[in-house]
Protein backbone atom coordinates (compact mmCIF):
# COMPACT_ATOMS: atom_id res chain seq x y z
CA UNK A 1 0.00 0.00 0.00
CA UNK A 2 1.31 3.42 -0.91
CA UNK A 3 2.07 5.57 2.09
CA UNK A 4 -0.18 8.40 0.86
CA UNK A 5 -3.13 5.99 0.94
CA UNK A 6 -2.39 4.63 4.42
CA UNK A 7 -4.66 5.59 7.26
CA UNK A 8 -3.10 7.10 10.35
CA UNK A 9 -3.58 3.84 12.23
CA UNK A 10 -1.95 1.74 9.49
CA UNK A 11 1.02 4.09 9.19
CA UNK A 12 1.47 4.27 12.96
CA UNK A 13 1.40 0.47 13.27
CA UNK A 14 4.07 0.15 10.57
CA UNK A 15 6.15 2.89 12.20
CA UNK A 16 5.95 1.14 15.58
CA UNK A 17 7.16 -2.12 13.98
CA UNK A 18 10.12 -0.29 12.41
CA UNK A 19 11.03 1.39 15.70
CA UNK A 20 10.90 -1.96 17.45
CA UNK A 21 13.15 -3.58 14.83
CA UNK A 22 15.64 -0.72 15.05
CA UNK A 23 15.66 -0.82 18.86
CA UNK A 24 16.43 -4.54 18.79
CA UNK A 25 19.74 -3.69 17.13
CA UNK A 26 19.85 -6.95 15.16
CA UNK A 27 19.46 -5.50 11.66
CA UNK A 28 22.39 -5.24 9.26
CA UNK A 29 23.44 -1.62 8.75
CA UNK A 30 22.08 -1.30 5.21
CA UNK A 31 18.66 -2.65 6.21
CA UNK A 32 18.59 -0.47 9.32
CA UNK A 33 19.26 2.63 7.21
CA UNK A 34 16.45 1.69 4.79
CA UNK A 35 14.05 1.09 7.68
CA UNK A 36 15.08 4.37 9.28
CA UNK A 37 14.28 6.26 6.06
CA UNK A 38 10.93 4.48 5.73
CA UNK A 39 10.20 5.29 9.37
CA UNK A 40 11.04 8.95 8.82
CA UNK A 41 8.63 9.07 5.87
CA UNK A 42 5.93 7.34 7.91
CA UNK A 43 6.42 9.82 10.76
CA UNK A 44 6.04 12.72 8.31
CA UNK A 45 2.90 11.10 6.85
CA UNK A 46 1.41 10.65 10.34
CA UNK A 47 2.26 14.25 11.24
CA UNK A 48 0.53 15.53 8.09
CA UNK A 49 -2.58 13.45 8.82
CA UNK A 50 -2.67 14.82 12.37
CA UNK A 51 -2.26 18.40 11.14
CA UNK A 52 -5.04 17.91 8.58
CA UNK A 53 -7.35 16.48 11.24
CA UNK A 54 -6.54 19.37 13.57
CA UNK A 55 -7.43 21.90 10.86
CA UNK A 56 -10.81 20.27 10.36
CA UNK A 57 -11.50 20.06 14.08
CA UNK A 58 -10.48 23.63 14.87
CA UNK A 59 -12.16 25.38 11.94
CA UNK A 60 -15.37 26.78 13.34
CA UNK A 61 -17.90 29.40 12.48
CA UNK A 62 -18.63 31.94 15.18
CA UNK A 63 -22.35 32.60 15.46
CA UNK A 64 -23.61 34.86 18.22
CA UNK A 65 -20.41 34.28 20.14
CA UNK A 66 -20.86 30.51 20.04
CA UNK A 67 -18.78 28.03 18.12
CA UNK A 68 -20.62 26.12 15.42
CA UNK A 69 -19.47 22.88 13.78
CA UNK A 70 -17.38 23.23 10.65
CA UNK A 71 -19.34 22.66 7.44
CA UNK A 72 -16.98 20.57 5.31
CA UNK A 73 -18.66 21.72 2.09
CA UNK A 74 -17.45 25.32 2.42
């Protein structure tokens, strides 16, 4: 599955597996470097998904001093 199509949960699970493998210290150097790079990309992907979710959750309309839910069709 392409990283851009992965859900947050899928990407986080893969990232956790990579971190665990790197922490074990049993990987050959070349494989560890590849996993590190993949992990870095996964972390960036997760960060972007979190930032996108935060934008949706924090965008509100102020009506009479009260916050109203964001209308995603705007």
